[in-house]
């Protein structure tokens, strides 16, 4: 005997069947609502993630080419630094060439800045920032505090708010004679290596 036949045979049975099906339907509706809300939340999360990815691509999409172009900027700077000021003043042709190279370097820096690539030019005496500077060597200097920049080998660059290339610097260290006189607990003091 099927449920339908039982319901036709006894009207009270129909009420019992409807009562048992009602909680199941309510539970199914609640489950479907929950799944719908979770699916909508997933779609919203994916949309936000894609928006972030698009923004990152817009901001940092020039990273690879910018790294390559930095070599050109470095070489232009080296070319300018290689010409002594006296030689440029003595020879008009050399002075014109130097002026052209300087203009090219400024133009390249302008293009880089237009694409949010900014130059990091650390100054001598500035405190070393490991987030922007790469210490290449130590220079014993009595006139500078230990841990400050003593020499700048190469400028660094930021792209938007990310480090593209750290500035390469030499860091001031306490001179040897000052290190021997420093108290043992002070930074930069000599270390006893006798064992």
N, C-alpha and C. Protein backbone atom coordinates (compact mmCIF):
# COMPACT_ATOMS: atom_id res chain seq x y z
N UNK A 1 0.85 -1.15 0.00
CA UNK A 1 0.00 0.00 0.00
C UNK A 1 0.91 1.23 0.00
N UNK A 2 0.64 2.14 -0.89
CA UNK A 2 1.44 3.35 -1.00
C UNK A 2 0.94 4.38 -0.02
N UNK A 3 1.69 5.44 0.11
CA UNK A 3 1.32 6.52 1.01
C UNK A 3 0.04 7.17 0.55
N UNK A 4 -0.11 7.30 -0.76
CA UNK A 4 -1.31 7.93 -1.31
C UNK A 4 -2.55 7.07 -1.01
N UNK A 5 -2.40 5.76 -1.17
CA UNK A 5 -3.53 4.87 -0.88
C UNK A 5 -3.87 4.91 0.60
N UNK A 6 -2.83 5.00 1.44
CA UNK A 6 -3.07 5.05 2.89
C UNK A 6 -3.76 6.34 3.25
N UNK A 7 -3.41 7.43 2.57
CA UNK A 7 -4.03 8.72 2.86
C UNK A 7 -5.48 8.71 2.44
N UNK A 8 -5.80 8.06 1.32
CA UNK A 8 -7.19 7.97 0.88
C UNK A 8 -8.00 7.09 1.83
N UNK A 9 -7.37 6.09 2.39
CA UNK A 9 -8.08 5.18 3.28
C UNK A 9 -8.36 5.84 4.62
N UNK A 10 -7.45 6.69 5.08
CA UNK A 10 -7.62 7.28 6.40
C UNK A 10 -7.22 8.76 6.34
N UNK A 11 -8.14 9.70 6.52
CA UNK A 11 -7.81 11.13 6.48
C UNK A 11 -6.82 11.55 7.56
N UNK A 12 -6.79 10.88 8.68
CA UNK A 12 -5.83 11.24 9.74
C UNK A 12 -4.41 10.91 9.32
N UNK A 13 -4.24 9.94 8.50
CA UNK A 13 -2.92 9.55 8.02
C UNK A 13 -2.35 10.66 7.13
N UNK A 14 -3.22 11.32 6.36
CA UNK A 14 -2.77 12.41 5.49
C UNK A 14 -2.17 13.53 6.33
N UNK A 15 -2.75 13.85 7.44
CA UNK A 15 -2.23 14.90 8.31
C UNK A 15 -0.87 14.52 8.88
N UNK A 16 -0.69 13.27 9.20
CA UNK A 16 0.59 12.79 9.74
C UNK A 16 1.66 12.88 8.66
N UNK A 17 1.32 12.51 7.42
CA UNK A 17 2.29 12.56 6.31
C UNK A 17 2.70 14.01 6.07
N UNK A 18 1.72 14.95 6.07
CA UNK A 18 2.04 16.36 5.86
C UNK A 18 2.91 16.90 6.99
N UNK A 19 2.67 16.47 8.22
CA UNK A 19 3.46 16.93 9.36
C UNK A 19 4.89 16.44 9.26
N UNK A 20 5.13 15.24 8.81
CA UNK A 20 6.48 14.71 8.70
C UNK A 20 7.21 15.34 7.51
N UNK A 21 6.50 15.72 6.48
CA UNK A 21 7.14 16.34 5.32
C UNK A 21 7.44 17.81 5.58
N UNK A 22 6.66 18.50 6.37
CA UNK A 22 6.85 19.94 6.62
C UNK A 22 8.20 20.23 7.26
N UNK A 23 8.62 19.55 8.30
CA UNK A 23 9.95 19.85 8.87
C UNK A 23 11.07 19.54 7.86
N UNK A 24 10.90 18.49 7.07
CA UNK A 24 11.92 18.17 6.06
C UNK A 24 12.02 19.29 5.03
N UNK A 25 10.89 19.83 4.61
CA UNK A 25 10.89 20.92 3.63
C UNK A 25 11.49 22.19 4.23
N UNK A 26 11.15 22.47 5.49
CA UNK A 26 11.72 23.65 6.15
C UNK A 26 13.23 23.53 6.28
N UNK A 27 13.70 22.34 6.62
CA UNK A 27 15.14 22.09 6.74
C UNK A 27 15.81 22.24 5.38
N UNK A 28 15.18 21.73 4.35
CA UNK A 28 15.74 21.83 3.00
C UNK A 28 15.80 23.29 2.55
N UNK A 29 14.77 24.06 2.84
CA UNK A 29 14.76 25.49 2.50
C UNK A 29 15.88 26.20 3.26
N UNK A 30 16.05 25.90 4.53
CA UNK A 30 17.10 26.53 5.33
C UNK A 30 18.48 26.17 4.78
N UNK A 31 18.65 24.89 4.39
CA UNK A 31 19.93 24.46 3.81
C UNK A 31 20.21 25.19 2.50
N UNK A 32 19.19 25.31 1.67
CA UNK A 32 19.36 25.99 0.38
C UNK A 32 19.67 27.48 0.58
N UNK A 33 19.02 28.12 1.56
CA UNK A 33 19.30 29.52 1.87
C UNK A 33 20.77 29.68 2.31
N UNK A 34 21.21 28.75 3.17
CA UNK A 34 22.59 28.78 3.65
C UNK A 34 23.57 28.62 2.50
N UNK A 35 23.30 27.68 1.61
CA UNK A 35 24.17 27.47 0.44
C UNK A 35 24.19 28.70 -0.46
N UNK A 36 23.03 29.31 -0.64
CA UNK A 36 22.95 30.52 -1.47
C UNK A 36 23.78 31.64 -0.86
N UNK A 37 23.65 31.85 0.45
CA UNK A 37 24.42 32.91 1.12
C UNK A 37 25.93 32.65 1.03
N UNK A 38 26.31 31.38 1.18
CA UNK A 38 27.73 31.05 1.07
C UNK A 38 28.23 31.26 -0.36
N UNK A 39 27.43 30.90 -1.34
CA UNK A 39 27.82 31.11 -2.74
C UNK A 39 27.95 32.59 -3.05
N UNK A 40 27.02 33.40 -2.55
CA UNK A 40 27.10 34.85 -2.76
C UNK A 40 28.34 35.42 -2.08
N UNK A 41 28.67 34.95 -0.89
CA UNK A 41 29.87 35.42 -0.20
C UNK A 41 31.12 35.02 -0.97
N UNK A 42 31.15 33.80 -1.51
CA UNK A 42 32.29 33.36 -2.31
C UNK A 42 32.47 34.22 -3.55
N UNK A 43 31.38 34.53 -4.22
CA UNK A 43 31.43 35.38 -5.42
C UNK A 43 31.96 36.76 -5.05
N UNK A 44 31.49 37.31 -3.95
CA UNK A 44 31.95 38.64 -3.51
C UNK A 44 33.44 38.61 -3.17
N UNK A 45 33.90 37.56 -2.49
CA UNK A 45 35.32 37.42 -2.16
C UNK A 45 36.18 37.31 -3.42
N UNK A 46 35.70 36.53 -4.39
CA UNK A 46 36.43 36.40 -5.66
C UNK A 46 36.50 37.74 -6.39
N UNK A 47 35.40 38.50 -6.36
CA UNK A 47 35.38 39.81 -7.01
C UNK A 47 36.40 40.74 -6.36
N UNK A 48 36.44 40.75 -5.02
CA UNK A 48 37.41 41.59 -4.31
C UNK A 48 38.84 41.17 -4.62
N UNK A 49 39.09 39.86 -4.66
CA UNK A 49 40.43 39.36 -4.96
C UNK A 49 40.85 39.77 -6.37
N UNK A 50 39.96 39.65 -7.31
CA UNK A 50 40.27 40.05 -8.69
C UNK A 50 40.51 41.55 -8.78
N UNK A 51 39.74 42.34 -8.04
CA UNK A 51 39.96 43.79 -8.01
C UNK A 51 41.35 44.10 -7.48
N UNK A 52 41.77 43.39 -6.41
CA UNK A 52 43.12 43.59 -5.86
C UNK A 52 44.19 43.19 -6.88
N UNK A 53 43.97 42.08 -7.57
CA UNK A 53 44.93 41.63 -8.57
C UNK A 53 45.05 42.62 -9.72
N UNK A 54 43.92 43.17 -10.15
CA UNK A 54 43.94 44.17 -11.22
C UNK A 54 44.68 45.42 -10.75
N UNK A 55 44.45 45.84 -9.52
CA UNK A 55 45.13 47.02 -8.97
C UNK A 55 46.63 46.76 -8.87
N UNK A 56 47.03 45.57 -8.40
CA UNK A 56 48.45 45.23 -8.33
C UNK A 56 49.08 45.19 -9.71
N UNK A 57 48.37 44.64 -10.68
CA UNK A 57 48.90 44.59 -12.05
C UNK A 57 49.06 46.00 -12.60
N UNK A 58 48.12 46.89 -12.28
CA UNK A 58 48.23 48.27 -12.75
C UNK A 58 49.41 48.97 -12.08
N UNK A 59 49.57 48.75 -10.79
CA UNK A 59 50.64 49.41 -10.04
C UNK A 59 52.01 48.85 -10.34
N UNK A 60 52.12 47.53 -10.35
CA UNK A 60 53.42 46.88 -10.40
C UNK A 60 53.69 46.16 -11.71
N UNK A 61 52.87 46.39 -12.70
CA UNK A 61 53.02 45.70 -13.98
C UNK A 61 54.30 46.06 -14.72
N UNK A 62 54.87 47.21 -14.43
CA UNK A 62 56.08 47.64 -15.13
C UNK A 62 57.35 47.21 -14.40
N UNK A 63 57.22 46.37 -13.41
CA UNK A 63 58.36 45.98 -12.58
C UNK A 63 59.50 45.38 -13.40
N UNK A 64 59.20 44.44 -14.26
CA UNK A 64 60.26 43.76 -15.01
C UNK A 64 61.00 44.72 -15.93
N UNK A 65 60.27 45.51 -16.68
CA UNK A 65 60.93 46.44 -17.59
C UNK A 65 61.64 47.54 -16.81
N UNK A 66 61.08 47.94 -15.67
CA UNK A 66 61.72 48.98 -14.86
C UNK A 66 63.08 48.51 -14.36
N UNK A 67 63.17 47.25 -13.94
CA UNK A 67 64.46 46.71 -13.49
C UNK A 67 65.49 46.76 -14.61
N UNK A 68 65.07 46.44 -15.81
CA UNK A 68 65.99 46.49 -16.95
C UNK A 68 66.40 47.92 -17.28
N UNK A 69 65.48 48.84 -17.20
CA UNK A 69 65.76 50.25 -17.52
C UNK A 69 66.67 50.88 -16.47
N UNK A 70 66.64 50.36 -15.24
CA UNK A 70 67.51 50.91 -14.20
C UNK A 70 68.98 50.79 -14.56
N UNK A 71 69.34 49.74 -15.29
CA UNK A 71 70.73 49.59 -15.74
C UNK A 71 71.12 50.74 -16.66
N UNK A 72 70.20 51.16 -17.52
CA UNK A 72 70.46 52.28 -18.42
C UNK A 72 70.64 53.56 -17.59
N UNK A 73 69.79 53.77 -16.61
CA UNK A 73 69.90 54.95 -15.74
C UNK A 73 71.24 54.94 -15.00
N UNK A 74 71.64 53.77 -14.51
CA UNK A 74 72.93 53.67 -13.81
C UNK A 74 74.09 54.01 -14.74
N UNK A 75 74.03 53.51 -15.96
CA UNK A 75 75.12 53.78 -16.91
C UNK A 75 75.18 55.25 -17.31
N UNK A 76 74.03 55.88 -17.45
CA UNK A 76 74.03 57.32 -17.74
C UNK A 76 74.66 58.09 -16.58
N UNK A 77 74.33 57.73 -15.35
CA UNK A 77 74.92 58.36 -14.18
C UNK A 77 76.42 58.15 -14.12
N UNK A 78 76.87 56.94 -14.45
CA UNK A 78 78.32 56.66 -14.45
C UNK A 78 79.03 57.47 -15.53
N UNK A 79 78.39 57.62 -16.69
CA UNK A 79 78.98 58.40 -17.77
C UNK A 79 79.15 59.86 -17.34
N UNK A 80 78.16 60.40 -16.67
CA UNK A 80 78.22 61.79 -16.21
C UNK A 80 79.32 61.94 -15.15
N UNK A 81 79.41 60.99 -14.23
CA UNK A 81 80.41 61.06 -13.16
C UNK A 81 81.83 60.87 -13.68
N UNK A 82 81.99 60.20 -14.82
CA UNK A 82 83.32 59.91 -15.35
C UNK A 82 83.99 61.13 -15.99
N UNK A 83 83.21 62.14 -16.33
CA UNK A 83 83.78 63.32 -16.99
C UNK A 83 84.17 64.34 -15.93
N UNK A 84 85.47 64.65 -15.83
CA UNK A 84 85.89 65.69 -14.87
C UNK A 84 85.34 67.05 -15.28
N UNK A 85 84.95 67.85 -14.31
CA UNK A 85 84.37 69.17 -14.58
C UNK A 85 85.34 70.05 -15.35
N UNK A 86 86.65 69.98 -15.03
CA UNK A 86 87.65 70.80 -15.73
C UNK A 86 87.73 70.43 -17.20
N UNK A 87 87.65 69.14 -17.50
CA UNK A 87 87.73 68.69 -18.90
C UNK A 87 86.53 69.16 -19.69
N UNK A 88 85.35 69.13 -19.07
CA UNK A 88 84.14 69.57 -19.75
C UNK A 88 84.19 71.07 -20.02
N UNK A 89 84.75 71.85 -19.10
CA UNK A 89 84.86 73.30 -19.29
C UNK A 89 85.89 73.64 -20.35
N UNK A 90 86.94 72.83 -20.46
CA UNK A 90 88.01 73.11 -21.41
C UNK A 90 87.62 72.76 -22.85
N UNK A 91 86.78 71.75 -23.02
CA UNK A 91 86.41 71.28 -24.36
C UNK A 91 84.92 71.50 -24.60
N UNK A 92 84.54 72.42 -25.49
CA UNK A 92 83.11 72.69 -25.74
C UNK A 92 82.35 71.47 -26.27
N UNK A 93 83.01 70.65 -27.09
CA UNK A 93 82.33 69.46 -27.62
C UNK A 93 82.01 68.47 -26.49
N UNK A 94 82.96 68.31 -25.58
CA UNK A 94 82.74 67.41 -24.44
C UNK A 94 81.65 67.97 -23.53
N UNK A 95 81.64 69.30 -23.37
CA UNK A 95 80.62 69.93 -22.55
C UNK A 95 79.23 69.71 -23.16
N UNK A 96 79.10 69.84 -24.47
CA UNK A 96 77.82 69.60 -25.14
C UNK A 96 77.40 68.14 -25.01
N UNK A 97 78.34 67.23 -25.14
CA UNK A 97 78.03 65.81 -24.99
C UNK A 97 77.55 65.53 -23.57
N UNK A 98 78.25 66.08 -22.59
CA UNK A 98 77.86 65.89 -21.19
C UNK A 98 76.47 66.47 -20.93
N UNK A 99 76.18 67.63 -21.49
CA UNK A 99 74.85 68.24 -21.33
C UNK A 99 73.78 67.33 -21.92
N UNK A 100 74.05 66.74 -23.08
CA UNK A 100 73.09 65.82 -23.70
C UNK A 100 72.85 64.58 -22.86
N UNK A 101 73.92 64.03 -22.29
CA UNK A 101 73.79 62.85 -21.44
C UNK A 101 72.99 63.20 -20.18
N UNK A 102 73.26 64.37 -19.60
CA UNK A 102 72.51 64.80 -18.41
C UNK A 102 71.02 64.98 -18.74
N UNK A 103 70.73 65.56 -19.89
CA UNK A 103 69.33 65.73 -20.29
C UNK A 103 68.65 64.38 -20.51
N UNK A 104 69.37 63.45 -21.09
CA UNK A 104 68.82 62.10 -21.30
C UNK A 104 68.54 61.43 -19.96
N UNK A 105 69.45 61.59 -19.02
CA UNK A 105 69.24 60.99 -17.70
C UNK A 105 68.02 61.61 -17.01
N UNK A 106 67.88 62.92 -17.06
CA UNK A 106 66.71 63.58 -16.46
C UNK A 106 65.41 63.12 -17.13
N UNK A 107 65.46 62.99 -18.45
CA UNK A 107 64.27 62.53 -19.18
C UNK A 107 63.90 61.10 -18.76
N UNK A 108 64.89 60.26 -18.62
CA UNK A 108 64.64 58.88 -18.19
C UNK A 108 64.06 58.85 -16.78
N UNK A 109 64.60 59.66 -15.87
CA UNK A 109 64.07 59.73 -14.51
C UNK A 109 62.62 60.22 -14.51
N UNK A 110 62.30 61.17 -15.39
CA UNK A 110 60.94 61.68 -15.49
C UNK A 110 59.98 60.58 -15.94
N UNK A 111 60.41 59.81 -16.92
CA UNK A 111 59.58 58.70 -17.42
C UNK A 111 59.39 57.66 -16.32
N UNK A 112 60.44 57.34 -15.59
CA UNK A 112 60.32 56.37 -14.50
C UNK A 112 59.34 56.88 -13.44
N UNK A 113 59.45 58.16 -13.07
CA UNK A 113 58.55 58.72 -12.06
C UNK A 113 57.10 58.73 -12.54
N UNK A 114 56.90 58.92 -13.83
CA UNK A 114 55.54 58.90 -14.38
C UNK A 114 54.90 57.52 -14.18
N UNK A 115 55.74 56.50 -14.13
CA UNK A 115 55.25 55.13 -13.91
C UNK A 115 55.46 54.69 -12.46
N UNK A 116 55.53 55.67 -11.55
CA UNK A 116 55.62 55.46 -10.11
C UNK A 116 56.92 54.78 -9.68
N UNK A 117 57.98 54.92 -10.45
CA UNK A 117 59.29 54.40 -10.07
C UNK A 117 60.09 55.59 -9.55
N UNK A 118 60.36 55.56 -8.25
CA UNK A 118 61.04 56.70 -7.61
C UNK A 118 62.43 56.30 -7.15
N UNK A 119 63.35 57.21 -7.31
CA UNK A 119 64.75 56.98 -6.95
C UNK A 119 64.94 57.16 -5.44
N UNK A 120 65.76 56.30 -4.84
CA UNK A 120 66.16 56.41 -3.44
C UNK A 120 67.60 56.90 -3.45
N UNK A 121 67.82 58.12 -3.01
CA UNK A 121 69.16 58.69 -2.94
C UNK A 121 69.54 58.89 -1.49
N UNK A 122 70.17 57.87 -0.86
CA UNK A 122 70.57 58.04 0.54
C UNK A 122 71.69 59.08 0.66
N UNK A 123 71.73 59.75 1.78
CA UNK A 123 72.75 60.77 2.03
C UNK A 123 73.77 60.25 3.05
N UNK A 124 75.00 60.71 2.90
CA UNK A 124 76.05 60.35 3.85
C UNK A 124 75.62 60.86 5.23
N UNK A 125 75.73 60.01 6.22
CA UNK A 125 75.34 60.35 7.58
C UNK A 125 73.93 59.90 7.94
N UNK A 126 73.15 59.52 6.94
CA UNK A 126 71.79 59.02 7.17
C UNK A 126 71.87 57.64 7.81
N UNK A 127 70.93 57.33 8.68
CA UNK A 127 70.89 56.02 9.34
C UNK A 127 70.55 54.94 8.31
N UNK A 128 71.22 53.83 8.41
CA UNK A 128 70.98 52.69 7.51
C UNK A 128 69.57 52.15 7.74
N UNK A 129 68.80 52.03 6.68
CA UNK A 129 67.45 51.45 6.73
C UNK A 129 67.49 50.14 5.93
N UNK A 130 67.48 48.99 6.60
CA UNK A 130 67.58 47.72 5.89
C UNK A 130 66.41 47.46 4.94
N UNK A 131 65.33 48.23 5.08
CA UNK A 131 64.20 48.07 4.16
C UNK A 131 64.44 48.80 2.84
N UNK A 132 65.43 49.70 2.80
CA UNK A 132 65.71 50.47 1.59
C UNK A 132 67.17 50.43 1.16
N UNK A 133 68.06 50.06 2.08
CA UNK A 133 69.49 50.09 1.80
C UNK A 133 70.08 48.68 1.94
N UNK A 134 71.09 48.41 1.13
CA UNK A 134 71.82 47.16 1.25
C UNK A 134 73.26 47.51 1.61
N UNK A 135 73.69 47.11 2.81
CA UNK A 135 75.05 47.39 3.25
C UNK A 135 76.00 46.46 2.52
N UNK A 136 76.96 47.05 1.81
CA UNK A 136 77.90 46.26 1.02
C UNK A 136 79.24 46.06 1.74
N UNK A 137 79.63 47.05 2.54
CA UNK A 137 80.90 46.98 3.26
C UNK A 137 80.87 47.99 4.40
N UNK A 138 81.87 47.88 5.29
CA UNK A 138 82.01 48.83 6.38
C UNK A 138 83.21 49.72 6.12
N UNK A 139 83.07 50.98 6.51
CA UNK A 139 84.14 51.96 6.35
C UNK A 139 84.46 52.51 7.73
N UNK A 140 85.71 52.36 8.20
CA UNK A 140 86.06 52.95 9.50
C UNK A 140 86.04 54.48 9.39
N UNK A 141 85.11 55.10 10.12
CA UNK A 141 84.98 56.57 10.07
C UNK A 141 84.75 57.08 11.49
N UNK A 142 85.62 57.96 11.93
CA UNK A 142 85.47 58.55 13.27
C UNK A 142 84.45 59.69 13.25
N UNK A 143 84.26 60.31 12.07
CA UNK A 143 83.38 61.47 11.98
C UNK A 143 81.90 61.09 11.84
N UNK A 144 81.60 59.81 11.63
CA UNK A 144 80.21 59.36 11.48
C UNK A 144 79.87 58.33 12.55
N UNK A 145 78.64 58.34 12.97
CA UNK A 145 78.19 57.34 13.95
C UNK A 145 78.14 55.97 13.30
N UNK A 146 78.53 54.94 14.05
CA UNK A 146 78.45 53.59 13.49
C UNK A 146 77.00 53.26 13.08
N UNK A 147 76.86 52.59 11.95
CA UNK A 147 75.53 52.21 11.46
C UNK A 147 74.91 53.26 10.56
N UNK A 148 75.65 54.33 10.27
CA UNK A 148 75.13 55.34 9.33
C UNK A 148 75.81 55.15 7.98
N UNK A 149 75.26 55.76 6.97
CA UNK A 149 75.77 55.60 5.61
C UNK A 149 77.03 56.45 5.45
N UNK A 150 78.10 55.81 4.98
CA UNK A 150 79.37 56.50 4.77
C UNK A 150 79.62 56.74 3.28
N UNK A 151 79.14 55.85 2.43
CA UNK A 151 79.31 55.96 0.98
C UNK A 151 78.08 55.41 0.28
N UNK A 152 77.78 55.99 -0.88
CA UNK A 152 76.67 55.49 -1.69
C UNK A 152 77.28 54.95 -2.98
N UNK A 153 77.12 53.66 -3.21
CA UNK A 153 77.65 53.03 -4.42
C UNK A 153 76.65 53.11 -5.56
N UNK A 154 75.38 52.89 -5.25
CA UNK A 154 74.36 52.83 -6.29
C UNK A 154 73.01 53.24 -5.68
N UNK A 155 72.28 54.07 -6.40
CA UNK A 155 70.96 54.50 -5.93
C UNK A 155 69.99 53.32 -5.96
N UNK A 156 68.99 53.41 -5.11
CA UNK A 156 67.94 52.39 -5.10
C UNK A 156 66.68 52.96 -5.72
N UNK A 157 65.67 52.11 -5.88
CA UNK A 157 64.41 52.55 -6.48
C UNK A 157 63.23 51.87 -5.82
N UNK A 158 62.13 52.62 -5.73
CA UNK A 158 60.84 52.11 -5.26
C UNK A 158 59.89 52.13 -6.44
N UNK A 159 58.98 51.15 -6.49
CA UNK A 159 57.89 51.20 -7.46
C UNK A 159 56.62 51.25 -6.65
N UNK A 160 55.90 52.36 -6.78
CA UNK A 160 54.74 52.66 -5.93
C UNK A 160 55.23 52.61 -4.48
N UNK A 161 54.83 51.63 -3.70
CA UNK A 161 55.26 51.54 -2.31
C UNK A 161 56.14 50.32 -2.04
N UNK A 162 56.55 49.63 -3.09
CA UNK A 162 57.40 48.44 -2.94
C UNK A 162 58.83 48.75 -3.36
N UNK A 163 59.77 48.05 -2.72
CA UNK A 163 61.18 48.21 -3.06
C UNK A 163 61.46 47.48 -4.36
N UNK A 164 61.96 48.22 -5.34
CA UNK A 164 62.34 47.62 -6.62
C UNK A 164 63.79 47.17 -6.56
N UNK A 165 64.64 48.04 -6.01
CA UNK A 165 66.05 47.71 -5.85
C UNK A 165 66.58 48.53 -4.68
N UNK A 166 67.27 47.87 -3.72
CA UNK A 166 67.81 48.64 -2.60
C UNK A 166 69.01 49.47 -3.04
N UNK A 167 69.23 50.57 -2.34
CA UNK A 167 70.43 51.37 -2.58
C UNK A 167 71.62 50.63 -1.98
N UNK A 168 72.71 50.55 -2.73
CA UNK A 168 73.91 49.87 -2.22
C UNK A 168 74.80 50.92 -1.56
N UNK A 169 75.10 50.66 -0.29
CA UNK A 169 75.83 51.65 0.50
C UNK A 169 76.95 51.01 1.29
N UNK A 170 77.92 51.85 1.66
CA UNK A 170 78.95 51.49 2.62
C UNK A 170 78.54 52.08 3.96
N UNK A 171 78.73 51.33 5.02
CA UNK A 171 78.26 51.74 6.34
C UNK A 171 79.46 52.12 7.22
N UNK A 172 79.29 53.21 7.96
CA UNK A 172 80.34 53.66 8.87
C UNK A 172 80.50 52.68 10.02
N UNK A 173 81.76 52.43 10.35
CA UNK A 173 82.09 51.58 11.49
C UNK A 173 83.06 52.35 12.37
N UNK A 174 83.15 51.97 13.59
CA UNK A 174 84.07 52.61 14.52
C UNK A 174 85.50 52.29 14.06
N UNK A 175 86.38 53.28 14.02
CA UNK A 175 87.78 53.01 13.65
C UNK A 175 88.42 52.04 14.63
N UNK A 176 89.45 51.34 14.18
CA UNK A 176 90.08 50.29 14.99
C UNK A 176 90.57 50.81 16.33
N UNK A 177 91.22 51.98 16.37
CA UNK A 177 91.73 52.49 17.65
C UNK A 177 90.59 52.88 18.58
N UNK A 178 89.48 53.36 18.05
CA UNK A 178 88.33 53.71 18.88
C UNK A 178 87.63 52.45 19.37
N UNK A 179 87.65 51.41 18.57
CA UNK A 179 87.01 50.16 18.96
C UNK A 179 87.74 49.52 20.12
N UNK A 180 89.09 49.68 20.16
CA UNK A 180 89.87 49.11 21.27
C UNK A 180 89.57 49.80 22.58
N UNK A 181 89.20 51.09 22.53
CA UNK A 181 88.95 51.86 23.73
C UNK A 181 87.49 51.80 24.18
N UNK A 182 86.60 51.28 23.37
CA UNK A 182 85.17 51.27 23.69
C UNK A 182 84.87 50.29 24.81
N UNK A 183 83.93 50.64 25.68
CA UNK A 183 83.52 49.69 26.72
C UNK A 183 82.93 48.44 26.07
N UNK A 184 83.07 47.31 26.73
CA UNK A 184 82.68 46.04 26.12
C UNK A 184 81.19 45.91 25.84
N UNK A 185 80.32 46.60 26.54
CA UNK A 185 78.89 46.47 26.32
C UNK A 185 78.34 47.42 25.26
N UNK A 186 79.17 48.33 24.76
CA UNK A 186 78.71 49.35 23.81
C UNK A 186 78.70 48.78 22.39
N UNK A 187 77.70 49.11 21.58
CA UNK A 187 77.67 48.63 20.19
C UNK A 187 78.92 49.09 19.45
N UNK A 188 79.46 48.21 18.64
CA UNK A 188 80.65 48.53 17.87
C UNK A 188 81.93 48.23 18.62
N UNK A 189 81.80 47.78 19.86
CA UNK A 189 82.98 47.45 20.66
C UNK A 189 83.62 46.21 20.09
N UNK A 190 84.91 46.05 20.35
CA UNK A 190 85.61 44.89 19.82
C UNK A 190 85.11 43.63 20.52
N UNK A 191 85.25 42.53 19.82
CA UNK A 191 84.79 41.24 20.33
C UNK A 191 86.02 40.41 20.65
N UNK A 192 86.04 39.78 21.80
CA UNK A 192 87.15 38.94 22.19
C UNK A 192 87.03 37.61 21.45
N UNK A 193 87.97 37.34 20.56
CA UNK A 193 87.91 36.12 19.76
C UNK A 193 88.87 35.05 20.27
N UNK A 194 89.52 35.31 21.40
CA UNK A 194 90.44 34.31 21.96
C UNK A 194 89.62 33.18 22.57
N UNK A 195 90.02 31.97 22.23
CA UNK A 195 89.28 30.84 22.78
C UNK A 195 90.19 29.81 23.35
